[in-house]
Amino acid sequence: MLVSFLAMITFIPYSCQKEDLRYIHTDTTISSIYIRNKVGEAYVEGAIQGDNIVFEIPLAKKAELDISNLLIYANIPVSANVLPSFAGRHDLSSPMEFTVNNDNNVPHKYTLQAIYLSY
C-alpha cells in the first residue's frame, strides 16, 4: 500500500504539466516572389527553378525597373525568416544569395538575379 501511494505521489506532478502544443514549421519554400522599384508600380514575377530565382525584365519595362535598386516581395512559410532580409532595396544586377530558415533553423539557400531581356 505504501509503495502504491508513493508511486501515485511521484506521478501526480507530471500529469499536471502542460504539453507543448507548438507546431514546428519545417517548410522553407518560397512559393512566389516578385520585384518592383516603387509600391504600386510595374512588377516582374520571379521564375523559381529549384534554388535559383530569375527575374526576366522585358525590354518594355526596362525604363521602369532599375535592377540595382529593387524592392523584393515574397510569399514564405509561416514563421520562416529570410537572411539577409527582403526589407529595403537590393541590387540584383548580379546574383545575390538569400537564406530562408524554418523553426528548426534548417536553411534553404536561394540565389536571386534580375536580367534585362533583349525583346
PDB file of N, CA and C in Angstrom:
ATOM      1  N   MET A   1       0.825  -1.193   0.000  1.00  0.00           N
ATOM      2  CA  MET A   1       0.000   0.000   0.000  1.00  0.00           C
ATOM      3  C   MET A   1       0.869   1.256   0.000  1.00  0.00           C
ATOM      4  N   LEU A   2       1.895   1.263   0.833  1.00  0.00           N
ATOM      5  CA  LEU A   2       2.802   2.400   0.897  1.00  0.00           C
ATOM      6  C   LEU A   2       3.499   2.615  -0.440  1.00  0.00           C
ATOM      7  N   VAL A   3       3.885   1.513  -1.108  1.00  0.00           N
ATOM      8  CA  VAL A   3       4.557   1.598  -2.398  1.00  0.00           C
ATOM      9  C   VAL A   3       3.628   2.219  -3.447  1.00  0.00           C
ATOM     10  N   SER A   4       2.389   1.811  -3.510  1.00  0.00           N
ATOM     11  CA  SER A   4       1.452   2.370  -4.490  1.00  0.00           C
ATOM     12  C   SER A   4       1.157   3.834  -4.187  1.00  0.00           C
ATOM     13  N   PHE A   5       1.105   4.215  -2.905  1.00  0.00           N
ATOM     14  CA  PHE A   5       0.890   5.607  -2.537  1.00  0.00           C
ATOM     15  C   PHE A   5       2.077   6.466  -2.989  1.00  0.00           C
ATOM     16  N   LEU A   6       3.305   5.983  -2.762  1.00  0.00           N
ATOM     17  CA  LEU A   6       4.496   6.718  -3.188  1.00  0.00           C
ATOM     18  C   LEU A   6       4.554   6.832  -4.718  1.00  0.00           C
ATOM     19  N   ALA A   7       4.173   5.781  -5.404  1.00  0.00           N
ATOM     20  CA  ALA A   7       4.156   5.812  -6.870  1.00  0.00           C
ATOM     21  C   ALA A   7       3.147   6.837  -7.367  1.00  0.00           C
ATOM     22  N   MET A   8       2.008   6.922  -6.718  1.00  0.00           N
ATOM     23  CA  MET A   8       0.977   7.872  -7.121  1.00  0.00           C
ATOM     24  C   MET A   8       1.457   9.306  -6.881  1.00  0.00           C
ATOM     25  N   ILE A   9       2.097   9.568  -5.763  1.00  0.00           N
ATOM     26  CA  ILE A   9       2.601  10.905  -5.458  1.00  0.00           C
ATOM     27  C   ILE A   9       3.690  11.307  -6.450  1.00  0.00           C
ATOM     28  N   THR A  10       4.498  10.361  -6.858  1.00  0.00           N
ATOM     29  CA  THR A  10       5.578  10.637  -7.792  1.00  0.00           C
ATOM     30  C   THR A  10       5.037  11.081  -9.149  1.00  0.00           C
ATOM     31  N   PHE A  11       3.955  10.511  -9.628  1.00  0.00           N
ATOM     32  CA  PHE A  11       3.440  10.798 -10.965  1.00  0.00           C
ATOM     33  C   PHE A  11       2.449  11.954 -11.013  1.00  0.00           C
ATOM     34  N   ILE A  12       1.918  12.374  -9.890  1.00  0.00           N
ATOM     35  CA  ILE A  12       0.939  13.457  -9.883  1.00  0.00           C
ATOM     36  C   ILE A  12       1.510  14.755 -10.466  1.00  0.00           C
ATOM     37  N   PRO A  13       2.705  15.226 -10.065  1.00  0.00           N
ATOM     38  CA  PRO A  13       3.203  16.491 -10.629  1.00  0.00           C
ATOM     39  C   PRO A  13       3.384  16.442 -12.148  1.00  0.00           C
ATOM     40  N   TYR A  14       3.739  15.303 -12.683  1.00  0.00           N
ATOM     41  CA  TYR A  14       3.962  15.199 -14.127  1.00  0.00           C
ATOM     42  C   TYR A  14       2.663  15.206 -14.915  1.00  0.00           C
ATOM     43  N   SER A  15       1.588  14.762 -14.302  1.00  0.00           N
ATOM     44  CA  SER A  15       0.316  14.744 -15.016  1.00  0.00           C
ATOM     45  C   SER A  15      -0.264  16.146 -15.132  1.00  0.00           C
ATOM     46  N   CYS A  16       0.210  17.092 -14.320  1.00  0.00           N
ATOM     47  CA  CYS A  16      -0.303  18.459 -14.367  1.00  0.00           C
ATOM     48  C   CYS A  16       0.482  19.343 -15.328  1.00  0.00           C
ATOM     49  N   GLN A  17       1.622  18.885 -15.806  1.00  0.00           N
ATOM     50  CA  GLN A  17       2.405  19.695 -16.734  1.00  0.00           C
ATOM     51  C   GLN A  17       1.677  19.808 -18.063  1.00  0.00           C
ATOM     52  N   LYS A  18       1.714  21.024 -18.621  1.00  0.00           N
ATOM     53  CA  LYS A  18       1.058  21.233 -19.907  1.00  0.00           C
ATOM     54  C   LYS A  18       1.960  20.742 -21.028  1.00  0.00           C
ATOM     55  N   GLU A  19       1.346  20.115 -21.977  1.00  0.00           N
ATOM     56  CA  GLU A  19       2.067  19.609 -23.138  1.00  0.00           C
ATOM     57  C   GLU A  19       2.371  20.778 -24.079  1.00  0.00           C
ATOM     58  N   ASP A  20       3.569  20.794 -24.659  1.00  0.00           N
ATOM     59  CA  ASP A  20       3.942  21.828 -25.616  1.00  0.00           C
ATOM     60  C   ASP A  20       3.275  21.503 -26.942  1.00  0.00           C
ATOM     61  N   LEU A  21       2.256  22.280 -27.290  1.00  0.00           N
ATOM     62  CA  LEU A  21       1.485  22.022 -28.499  1.00  0.00           C
ATOM     63  C   LEU A  21       1.912  22.910 -29.659  1.00  0.00           C
ATOM     64  N   ARG A  22       3.042  23.570 -29.536  1.00  0.00           N
ATOM     65  CA  ARG A  22       3.517  24.440 -30.599  1.00  0.00           C
ATOM     66  C   ARG A  22       3.875  23.618 -31.822  1.00  0.00           C
ATOM     67  N   TYR A  23       3.313  24.006 -32.949  1.00  0.00           N
ATOM     68  CA  TYR A  23       3.583  23.318 -34.208  1.00  0.00           C
ATOM     69  C   TYR A  23       4.928  23.792 -34.746  1.00  0.00           C
ATOM     70  N   ILE A  24       5.769  22.877 -35.125  1.00  0.00           N
ATOM     71  CA  ILE A  24       7.073  23.201 -35.702  1.00  0.00           C
ATOM     72  C   ILE A  24       6.931  23.244 -37.219  1.00  0.00           C
ATOM     73  N   HIS A  25       7.173  24.424 -37.787  1.00  0.00           N
ATOM     74  CA  HIS A  25       7.095  24.590 -39.239  1.00  0.00           C
ATOM     75  C   HIS A  25       8.440  24.216 -39.849  1.00  0.00           C
ATOM     76  N   THR A  26       8.417  23.329 -40.817  1.00  0.00           N
ATOM     77  CA  THR A  26       9.661  22.851 -41.419  1.00  0.00           C
ATOM     78  C   THR A  26       9.825  23.295 -42.870  1.00  0.00           C
ATOM     79  N   ASP A  27       8.825  23.947 -43.422  1.00  0.00           N
ATOM     80  CA  ASP A  27       8.878  24.356 -44.827  1.00  0.00           C
ATOM     81  C   ASP A  27       9.772  25.588 -44.994  1.00  0.00           C
ATOM     82  N   THR A  28      10.562  25.596 -46.039  1.00  0.00           N
ATOM     83  CA  THR A  28      11.420  26.748 -46.365  1.00  0.00           C
ATOM     84  C   THR A  28      11.247  27.168 -47.826  1.00  0.00           C
ATOM     85  N   THR A  29      10.105  26.825 -48.395  1.00  0.00           N
ATOM     86  CA  THR A  29       9.864  27.064 -49.812  1.00  0.00           C
ATOM     87  C   THR A  29       9.330  28.470 -50.058  1.00  0.00           C
ATOM     88  N   ILE A  30       9.932  29.165 -50.998  1.00  0.00           N
ATOM     89  CA  ILE A  30       9.368  30.425 -51.479  1.00  0.00           C
ATOM     90  C   ILE A  30       8.344  30.032 -52.531  1.00  0.00           C
ATOM     91  N   SER A  31       7.062  30.355 -52.280  1.00  0.00           N
ATOM     92  CA  SER A  31       6.014  29.930 -53.212  1.00  0.00           C
ATOM     93  C   SER A  31       5.824  30.913 -54.363  1.00  0.00           C
ATOM     94  N   SER A  32       6.079  32.191 -54.120  1.00  0.00           N
ATOM     95  CA  SER A  32       6.050  33.180 -55.195  1.00  0.00           C
ATOM     96  C   SER A  32       6.884  34.381 -54.761  1.00  0.00           C
ATOM     97  N   ILE A  33       7.392  35.098 -55.756  1.00  0.00           N
ATOM     98  CA  ILE A  33       8.271  36.223 -55.469  1.00  0.00           C
ATOM     99  C   ILE A  33       8.230  37.189 -56.643  1.00  0.00           C
ATOM    100  N   TYR A  34       8.274  38.494 -56.338  1.00  0.00           N
ATOM    101  CA  TYR A  34       8.334  39.482 -57.414  1.00  0.00           C
ATOM    102  C   TYR A  34       9.118  40.703 -56.966  1.00  0.00           C
ATOM    103  N   ILE A  35       9.490  41.514 -57.949  1.00  0.00           N
ATOM    104  CA  ILE A  35      10.288  42.716 -57.699  1.00  0.00           C
ATOM    105  C   ILE A  35       9.596  43.923 -58.314  1.00  0.00           C
ATOM    106  N   ARG A  36       9.902  45.088 -57.758  1.00  0.00           N
ATOM    107  CA  ARG A  36       9.441  46.360 -58.317  1.00  0.00           C
ATOM    108  C   ARG A  36      10.317  47.459 -57.759  1.00  0.00           C
ATOM    109  N   ASN A  37      10.241  48.658 -58.385  1.00  0.00           N
ATOM    110  CA  ASN A  37      11.016  49.807 -57.890  1.00  0.00           C
ATOM    111  C   ASN A  37      10.220  50.661 -56.911  1.00  0.00           C
ATOM    112  N   LYS A  38       8.916  50.781 -57.137  1.00  0.00           N
ATOM    113  CA  LYS A  38       8.063  51.584 -56.261  1.00  0.00           C
ATOM    114  C   LYS A  38       6.774  50.823 -55.993  1.00  0.00           C
ATOM    115  N   VAL A  39       6.259  50.998 -54.797  1.00  0.00           N
ATOM    116  CA  VAL A  39       4.990  50.370 -54.427  1.00  0.00           C
ATOM    117  C   VAL A  39       3.905  50.861 -55.378  1.00  0.00           C
ATOM    118  N   GLY A  40       3.137  49.924 -55.903  1.00  0.00           N
ATOM    119  CA  GLY A  40       2.044  50.258 -56.796  1.00  0.00           C
ATOM    120  C   GLY A  40       2.419  50.400 -58.256  1.00  0.00           C
ATOM    121  N   GLU A  41       3.698  50.275 -58.580  1.00  0.00           N
ATOM    122  CA  GLU A  41       4.117  50.396 -59.975  1.00  0.00           C
ATOM    123  C   GLU A  41       4.379  49.019 -60.577  1.00  0.00           C
ATOM    124  N   ALA A  42       4.954  49.024 -61.777  1.00  0.00           N
ATOM    125  CA  ALA A  42       5.199  47.783 -62.511  1.00  0.00           C
ATOM    126  C   ALA A  42       6.014  46.795 -61.680  1.00  0.00           C
ATOM    127  N   TYR A  43       5.703  45.524 -61.846  1.00  0.00           N
ATOM    128  CA  TYR A  43       6.460  44.479 -61.154  1.00  0.00           C
ATOM    129  C   TYR A  43       6.720  43.325 -62.106  1.00  0.00           C
ATOM    130  N   VAL A  44       7.698  42.492 -61.744  1.00  0.00           N
ATOM    131  CA  VAL A  44       8.037  41.298 -62.513  1.00  0.00           C
ATOM    132  C   VAL A  44       8.088  40.133 -61.540  1.00  0.00           C
ATOM    133  N   GLU A  45       7.386  39.061 -61.886  1.00  0.00           N
ATOM    134  CA  GLU A  45       7.395  37.865 -61.048  1.00  0.00           C
ATOM    135  C   GLU A  45       8.638  37.035 -61.357  1.00  0.00           C
ATOM    136  N   GLY A  46       9.207  36.447 -60.332  1.00  0.00           N
ATOM    137  CA  GLY A  46      10.398  35.622 -60.496  1.00  0.00           C
ATOM    138  C   GLY A  46      10.054  34.219 -60.958  1.00  0.00           C
ATOM    139  N   ALA A  47      10.920  33.663 -61.797  1.00  0.00           N
ATOM    140  CA  ALA A  47      10.791  32.270 -62.235  1.00  0.00           C
ATOM    141  C   ALA A  47      11.616  31.423 -61.266  1.00  0.00           C
ATOM    142  N   ILE A  48      10.923  30.618 -60.464  1.00  0.00           N
ATOM    143  CA  ILE A  48      11.595  29.794 -59.458  1.00  0.00           C
ATOM    144  C   ILE A  48      11.977  28.470 -60.105  1.00  0.00           C
ATOM    145  N   GLN A  49      13.291  28.216 -60.136  1.00  0.00           N
ATOM    146  CA  GLN A  49      13.813  26.979 -60.734  1.00  0.00           C
ATOM    147  C   GLN A  49      14.723  26.328 -59.691  1.00  0.00           C
ATOM    148  N   GLY A  50      14.119  25.550 -58.798  1.00  0.00           N
ATOM    149  CA  GLY A  50      14.889  24.934 -57.716  1.00  0.00           C
ATOM    150  C   GLY A  50      15.352  25.990 -56.734  1.00  0.00           C
ATOM    151  N   ASP A  51      16.670  26.147 -56.614  1.00  0.00           N
ATOM    152  CA  ASP A  51      17.248  27.121 -55.688  1.00  0.00           C
ATOM    153  C   ASP A  51      17.568  28.449 -56.367  1.00  0.00           C
ATOM    154  N   ASN A  52      17.292  28.541 -57.655  1.00  0.00           N
ATOM    155  CA  ASN A  52      17.572  29.761 -58.415  1.00  0.00           C
ATOM    156  C   ASN A  52      16.270  30.462 -58.771  1.00  0.00           C
ATOM    157  N   ILE A  53      16.277  31.779 -58.589  1.00  0.00           N
ATOM    158  CA  ILE A  53      15.114  32.594 -58.947  1.00  0.00           C
ATOM    159  C   ILE A  53      15.610  33.693 -59.866  1.00  0.00           C
ATOM    160  N   VAL A  54      15.027  33.735 -61.067  1.00  0.00           N
ATOM    161  CA  VAL A  54      15.441  34.714 -62.069  1.00  0.00           C
ATOM    162  C   VAL A  54      14.253  35.613 -62.394  1.00  0.00           C
ATOM    163  N   PHE A  55      14.532  36.905 -62.411  1.00  0.00           N
ATOM    164  CA  PHE A  55      13.534  37.905 -62.799  1.00  0.00           C
ATOM    165  C   PHE A  55      13.912  38.381 -64.193  1.00  0.00           C
ATOM    166  N   GLU A  56      13.125  37.991 -65.184  1.00  0.00           N
ATOM    167  CA  GLU A  56      13.389  38.376 -66.570  1.00  0.00           C
ATOM    168  C   GLU A  56      12.556  39.605 -66.891  1.00  0.00           C
ATOM    169  N   ILE A  57      13.232  40.737 -67.057  1.00  0.00           N
ATOM    170  CA  ILE A  57      12.543  42.003 -67.269  1.00  0.00           C
ATOM    171  C   ILE A  57      12.446  42.280 -68.759  1.00  0.00           C
ATOM    172  N   PRO A  58      11.223  42.342 -69.282  1.00  0.00           N
ATOM    173  CA  PRO A  58      11.042  42.614 -70.706  1.00  0.00           C
ATOM    174  C   PRO A  58      11.573  44.000 -71.078  1.00  0.00           C
ATOM    175  N   LEU A  59      11.984  44.131 -72.311  1.00  0.00           N
ATOM    176  CA  LEU A  59      12.523  45.388 -72.818  1.00  0.00           C
ATOM    177  C   LEU A  59      11.561  46.545 -72.562  1.00  0.00           C
ATOM    178  N   ALA A  60      10.273  46.289 -72.660  1.00  0.00           N
ATOM    179  CA  ALA A  60       9.262  47.343 -72.458  1.00  0.00           C
ATOM    180  C   ALA A  60       9.254  47.884 -71.025  1.00  0.00           C
ATOM    181  N   LYS A  61       9.723  47.112 -70.060  1.00  0.00           N
ATOM    182  CA  LYS A  61       9.731  47.550 -68.655  1.00  0.00           C
ATOM    183  C   LYS A  61      11.109  47.999 -68.171  1.00  0.00           C
ATOM    184  N   LYS A  62      12.094  48.003 -69.072  1.00  0.00           N
ATOM    185  CA  LYS A  62      13.463  48.341 -68.670  1.00  0.00           C
ATOM    186  C   LYS A  62      13.553  49.743 -68.070  1.00  0.00           C
ATOM    187  N   ALA A  63      12.838  50.703 -68.638  1.00  0.00           N
ATOM    188  CA  ALA A  63      12.881  52.077 -68.135  1.00  0.00           C
ATOM    189  C   ALA A  63      12.214  52.198 -66.762  1.00  0.00           C
ATOM    190  N   GLU A  64      11.300  51.293 -66.451  1.00  0.00           N
ATOM    191  CA  GLU A  64      10.560  51.350 -65.183  1.00  0.00           C
ATOM    192  C   GLU A  64      11.255  50.612 -64.040  1.00  0.00           C
ATOM    193  N   LEU A  65      12.113  49.653 -64.360  1.00  0.00           N
ATOM    194  CA  LEU A  65      12.722  48.821 -63.324  1.00  0.00           C
ATOM    195  C   LEU A  65      14.243  48.899 -63.350  1.00  0.00           C
ATOM    196  N   ASP A  66      14.796  49.517 -62.339  1.00  0.00           N
ATOM    197  CA  ASP A  66      16.248  49.608 -62.171  1.00  0.00           C
ATOM    198  C   ASP A  66      16.682  48.400 -61.349  1.00  0.00           C
ATOM    199  N   ILE A  67      17.357  47.431 -61.963  1.00  0.00           N
ATOM    200  CA  ILE A  67      17.684  46.176 -61.262  1.00  0.00           C
ATOM    201  C   ILE A  67      18.727  46.346 -60.167  1.00  0.00           C
ATOM    202  N   SER A  68      19.308  47.541 -60.040  1.00  0.00           N
ATOM    203  CA  SER A  68      20.274  47.775 -58.968  1.00  0.00           C
ATOM    204  C   SER A  68      19.628  48.418 -57.738  1.00  0.00           C
ATOM    205  N   ASN A  69      18.298  48.604 -57.783  1.00  0.00           N
ATOM    206  CA  ASN A  69      17.612  49.299 -56.689  1.00  0.00           C
ATOM    207  C   ASN A  69      16.180  48.780 -56.563  1.00  0.00           C
ATOM    208  N   LEU A  70      16.041  47.507 -56.189  1.00  0.00           N
ATOM    209  CA  LEU A  70      14.742  46.839 -56.227  1.00  0.00           C
ATOM    210  C   LEU A  70      14.164  46.540 -54.850  1.00  0.00           C
ATOM    211  N   LEU A  71      12.831  46.542 -54.802  1.00  0.00           N
ATOM    212  CA  LEU A  71      12.095  46.041 -53.643  1.00  0.00           C
ATOM    213  C   LEU A  71      11.712  44.601 -53.952  1.00  0.00           C
ATOM    214  N   ILE A  72      11.858  43.705 -52.988  1.00  0.00           N
ATOM    215  CA  ILE A  72      11.533  42.288 -53.179  1.00  0.00           C
ATOM    216  C   ILE A  72      10.334  41.941 -52.312  1.00  0.00           C
ATOM    217  N   TYR A  73       9.359  41.289 -52.917  1.00  0.00           N
ATOM    218  CA  TYR A  73       8.179  40.806 -52.203  1.00  0.00           C
ATOM    219  C   TYR A  73       8.104  39.299 -52.413  1.00  0.00           C
ATOM    220  N   ALA A  74       7.887  38.544 -51.336  1.00  0.00           N
ATOM    221  CA  ALA A  74       7.849  37.083 -51.471  1.00  0.00           C
ATOM    222  C   ALA A  74       6.842  36.473 -50.508  1.00  0.00           C
ATOM    223  N   ASN A  75       6.297  35.349 -50.913  1.00  0.00           N
ATOM    224  CA  ASN A  75       5.457  34.532 -50.035  1.00  0.00           C
ATOM    225  C   ASN A  75       6.332  33.426 -49.477  1.00  0.00           C
ATOM    226  N   ILE A  76       6.540  33.480 -48.158  1.00  0.00           N
ATOM    227  CA  ILE A  76       7.350  32.466 -47.481  1.00  0.00           C
ATOM    228  C   ILE A  76       6.480  31.787 -46.430  1.00  0.00           C
ATOM    229  N   PRO A  77       6.887  30.608 -45.948  1.00  0.00           N
ATOM    230  CA  PRO A  77       6.084  29.885 -44.971  1.00  0.00           C
ATOM    231  C   PRO A  77       5.920  30.644 -43.642  1.00  0.00           C
ATOM    232  N   VAL A  78       4.856  30.287 -42.933  1.00  0.00           N
ATOM    233  CA  VAL A  78       4.588  30.842 -41.604  1.00  0.00           C
ATOM    234  C   VAL A  78       5.802  30.605 -40.720  1.00  0.00           C
ATOM    235  N   SER A  79       6.196  31.597 -39.993  1.00  0.00           N
ATOM    236  CA  SER A  79       7.296  31.599 -39.019  1.00  0.00           C
ATOM    237  C   SER A  79       8.686  31.439 -39.640  1.00  0.00           C
ATOM    238  N   ALA A  80       8.783  31.423 -40.957  1.00  0.00           N
ATOM    239  CA  ALA A  80      10.108  31.384 -41.593  1.00  0.00           C
ATOM    240  C   ALA A  80      10.685  32.799 -41.582  1.00  0.00           C
ATOM    241  N   ASN A  81      11.991  32.885 -41.693  1.00  0.00           N
ATOM    242  CA  ASN A  81      12.635  34.188 -41.811  1.00  0.00           C
ATOM    243  C   ASN A  81      13.674  34.126 -42.914  1.00  0.00           C
ATOM    244  N   VAL A  82      14.017  35.296 -43.430  1.00  0.00           N
ATOM    245  CA  VAL A  82      14.941  35.398 -44.554  1.00  0.00           C
ATOM    246  C   VAL A  82      16.151  36.235 -44.137  1.00  0.00           C
ATOM    247  N   LEU A  83      17.329  35.732 -44.479  1.00  0.00           N
ATOM    248  CA  LEU A  83      18.574  36.446 -44.198  1.00  0.00           C
ATOM    249  C   LEU A  83      19.410  36.532 -45.464  1.00  0.00           C
ATOM    250  N   PRO A  84      19.924  37.658 -45.882  1.00  0.00           N
ATOM    251  CA  PRO A  84      19.542  38.953 -45.343  1.00  0.00           C
ATOM    252  C   PRO A  84      18.071  39.213 -45.646  1.00  0.00           C
ATOM    253  N   SER A  85      17.489  40.092 -44.900  1.00  0.00           N
ATOM    254  CA  SER A  85      16.058  40.370 -45.026  1.00  0.00           C
ATOM    255  C   SER A  85      15.707  40.893 -46.418  1.00  0.00           C
ATOM    256  N   PHE A  86      14.485  40.600 -46.850  1.00  0.00           N
ATOM    257  CA  PHE A  86      13.990  41.170 -48.105  1.00  0.00           C
ATOM    258  C   PHE A  86      13.612  42.641 -47.921  1.00  0.00           C
ATOM    259  N   ALA A  87      13.540  43.122 -46.690  1.00  0.00           N
ATOM    260  CA  ALA A  87      13.183  44.520 -46.423  1.00  0.00           C
ATOM    261  C   ALA A  87      14.238  45.437 -47.036  1.00  0.00           C
ATOM    262  N   GLY A  88      13.798  46.568 -47.483  1.00  0.00           N
ATOM    263  CA  GLY A  88      14.722  47.535 -48.076  1.00  0.00           C
ATOM    264  C   GLY A  88      14.953  47.270 -49.553  1.00  0.00           C
ATOM    265  N   ARG A  89      15.955  47.914 -50.079  1.00  0.00           N
ATOM    266  CA  ARG A  89      16.272  47.823 -51.511  1.00  0.00           C
ATOM    267  C   ARG A  89      17.482  46.928 -51.741  1.00  0.00           C
ATOM    268  N   HIS A  90      17.470  46.246 -52.890  1.00  0.00           N
ATOM    269  CA  HIS A  90      18.534  45.294 -53.196  1.00  0.00           C
ATOM    270  C   HIS A  90      19.010  45.455 -54.634  1.00  0.00           C
ATOM    271  N   ASP A  91      20.291  45.189 -54.833  1.00  0.00           N
ATOM    272  CA  ASP A  91      20.901  45.206 -56.156  1.00  0.00           C
ATOM    273  C   ASP A  91      20.945  43.772 -56.663  1.00  0.00           C
ATOM    274  N   LEU A  92      20.104  43.467 -57.647  1.00  0.00           N
ATOM    275  CA  LEU A  92      20.067  42.117 -58.215  1.00  0.00           C
ATOM    276  C   LEU A  92      20.676  42.074 -59.611  1.00  0.00           C
ATOM    277  N   SER A  93      21.535  43.053 -59.921  1.00  0.00           N
ATOM    278  CA  SER A  93      22.190  43.050 -61.229  1.00  0.00           C
ATOM    279  C   SER A  93      23.216  41.926 -61.330  1.00  0.00           C
ATOM    280  N   SER A  94      23.638  41.394 -60.204  1.00  0.00           N
ATOM    281  CA  SER A  94      24.464  40.189 -60.163  1.00  0.00           C
ATOM    282  C   SER A  94      23.820  39.246 -59.139  1.00  0.00           C
ATOM    283  N   PRO A  95      24.123  37.956 -59.213  1.00  0.00           N
ATOM    284  CA  PRO A  95      23.464  37.003 -58.315  1.00  0.00           C
ATOM    285  C   PRO A  95      23.659  37.380 -56.838  1.00  0.00           C
ATOM    286  N   MET A  96      22.556  37.278 -56.081  1.00  0.00           N
ATOM    287  CA  MET A  96      22.589  37.561 -54.648  1.00  0.00           C
ATOM    288  C   MET A  96      21.948  36.395 -53.917  1.00  0.00           C
ATOM    289  N   GLU A  97      22.600  35.939 -52.846  1.00  0.00           N
ATOM    290  CA  GLU A  97      22.109  34.780 -52.104  1.00  0.00           C
ATOM    291  C   GLU A  97      21.295  35.214 -50.888  1.00  0.00           C
ATOM    292  N   PHE A  98      20.137  34.548 -50.724  1.00  0.00           N
ATOM    293  CA  PHE A  98      19.272  34.738 -49.562  1.00  0.00           C
ATOM    294  C   PHE A  98      19.014  33.364 -48.960  1.00  0.00           C
ATOM    295  N   THR A  99      18.836  33.315 -47.643  1.00  0.00           N
ATOM    296  CA  THR A  99      18.579  32.053 -46.957  1.00  0.00           C
ATOM    297  C   THR A  99      17.261  32.133 -46.211  1.00  0.00           C
ATOM    298  N   VAL A 100      16.389  31.143 -46.447  1.00  0.00           N
ATOM    299  CA  VAL A 100      15.126  31.027 -45.716  1.00  0.00           C
ATOM    300  C   VAL A 100      15.334  29.969 -44.641  1.00  0.00           C
ATOM    301  N   ASN A 101      15.070  30.345 -43.377  1.00  0.00           N
ATOM    302  CA  ASN A 101      15.206  29.422 -42.246  1.00  0.00           C
ATOM    303  C   ASN A 101      13.826  29.084 -41.689  1.00  0.00           C
ATOM    304  N   ASN A 102      13.666  27.824 -41.231  1.00  0.00           N
ATOM    305  CA  ASN A 102      12.406  27.408 -40.623  1.00  0.00           C
ATOM    306  C   ASN A 102      12.543  27.369 -39.109  1.00  0.00           C
ATOM    307  N   ASP A 103      11.540  26.829 -38.415  1.00  0.00           N
ATOM    308  CA  ASP A 103      11.553  26.752 -36.944  1.00  0.00           C
ATOM    309  C   ASP A 103      12.714  25.924 -36.407  1.00  0.00           C
ATOM    310  N   ASN A 104      13.196  24.978 -37.182  1.00  0.00           N
ATOM    311  CA  ASN A 104      14.323  24.139 -36.754  1.00  0.00           C
ATOM    312  C   ASN A 104      15.658  24.734 -37.176  1.00  0.00           C
ATOM    313  N   ASN A 105      15.634  25.949 -37.697  1.00  0.00           N
ATOM    314  CA  ASN A 105      16.832  26.629 -38.214  1.00  0.00           C
ATOM    315  C   ASN A 105      17.528  25.835 -39.314  1.00  0.00           C
ATOM    316  N   VAL A 106      16.725  25.153 -40.123  1.00  0.00           N
ATOM    317  CA  VAL A 106      17.262  24.436 -41.280  1.00  0.00           C
ATOM    318  C   VAL A 106      17.240  25.409 -42.458  1.00  0.00           C
ATOM    319  N   PRO A 107      18.399  25.741 -43.017  1.00  0.00           N
ATOM    320  CA  PRO A 107      18.446  26.750 -44.074  1.00  0.00           C
ATOM    321  C   PRO A 107      18.135  26.198 -45.469  1.00  0.00           C
ATOM    322  N   HIS A 108      17.544  27.047 -46.283  1.00  0.00           N
ATOM    323  CA  HIS A 108      17.355  26.773 -47.712  1.00  0.00           C
ATOM    324  C   HIS A 108      17.873  28.008 -48.430  1.00  0.00           C
ATOM    325  N   LYS A 109      18.953  27.849 -49.172  1.00  0.00           N
ATOM    326  CA  LYS A 109      19.584  28.982 -49.849  1.00  0.00           C
ATOM    327  C   LYS A 109      19.013  29.146 -51.245  1.00  0.00           C
ATOM    328  N   TYR A 110      18.701  30.385 -51.562  1.00  0.00           N
ATOM    329  CA  TYR A 110      18.216  30.750 -52.885  1.00  0.00           C
ATOM    330  C   TYR A 110      19.159  31.795 -53.475  1.00  0.00           C
ATOM    331  N   THR A 111      19.354  31.709 -54.786  1.00  0.00           N
ATOM    332  CA  THR A 111      20.129  32.728 -55.499  1.00  0.00           C
ATOM    333  C   THR A 111      19.163  33.488 -56.391  1.00  0.00           C
ATOM    334  N   LEU A 112      19.129  34.812 -56.211  1.00  0.00           N
ATOM    335  CA  LEU A 112      18.240  35.675 -56.979  1.00  0.00           C
ATOM    336  C   LEU A 112      19.060  36.529 -57.923  1.00  0.00           C
ATOM    337  N   GLN A 113      18.514  36.745 -59.123  1.00  0.00           N
ATOM    338  CA  GLN A 113      19.150  37.640 -60.084  1.00  0.00           C
ATOM    339  C   GLN A 113      18.104  38.203 -61.027  1.00  0.00           C
ATOM    340  N   ALA A 114      18.255  39.475 -61.360  1.00  0.00           N
ATOM    341  CA  ALA A 114      17.388  40.133 -62.337  1.00  0.00           C
ATOM    342  C   ALA A 114      18.190  40.382 -63.605  1.00  0.00           C
ATOM    343  N   ILE A 115      17.549  40.106 -64.736  1.00  0.00           N
ATOM    344  CA  ILE A 115      18.224  40.347 -66.033  1.00  0.00           C
ATOM    345  C   ILE A 115      17.259  41.065 -66.980  1.00  0.00           C
ATOM    346  N   TYR A 116      17.830  41.908 -67.837  1.00  0.00           N
ATOM    347  CA  TYR A 116      17.043  42.580 -68.861  1.00  0.00           C
ATOM    348  C   TYR A 116      17.026  41.686 -70.103  1.00  0.00           C
ATOM    349  N   LEU A 117      15.840  41.461 -70.628  1.00  0.00           N
ATOM    350  CA  LEU A 117      15.697  40.716 -71.881  1.00  0.00           C
ATOM    351  C   LEU A 117      15.928  41.659 -73.054  1.00  0.00           C
ATOM    352  N   SER A 118      16.310  41.111 -74.172  1.00  0.00           N
ATOM    353  CA  SER A 118      16.561  41.934 -75.359  1.00  0.00           C
ATOM    354  C   SER A 118      15.290  42.085 -76.213  1.00  0.00           C
ATOM    355  N   TYR A 119      14.197  41.571 -75.743  1.00  0.00           N
ATOM    356  CA  TYR A 119      12.939  41.677 -76.509  1.00  0.00           C
ATOM    357  C   TYR A 119      11.808  42.128 -75.634  1.00  0.00           C
TER     358      TYR A 119
END
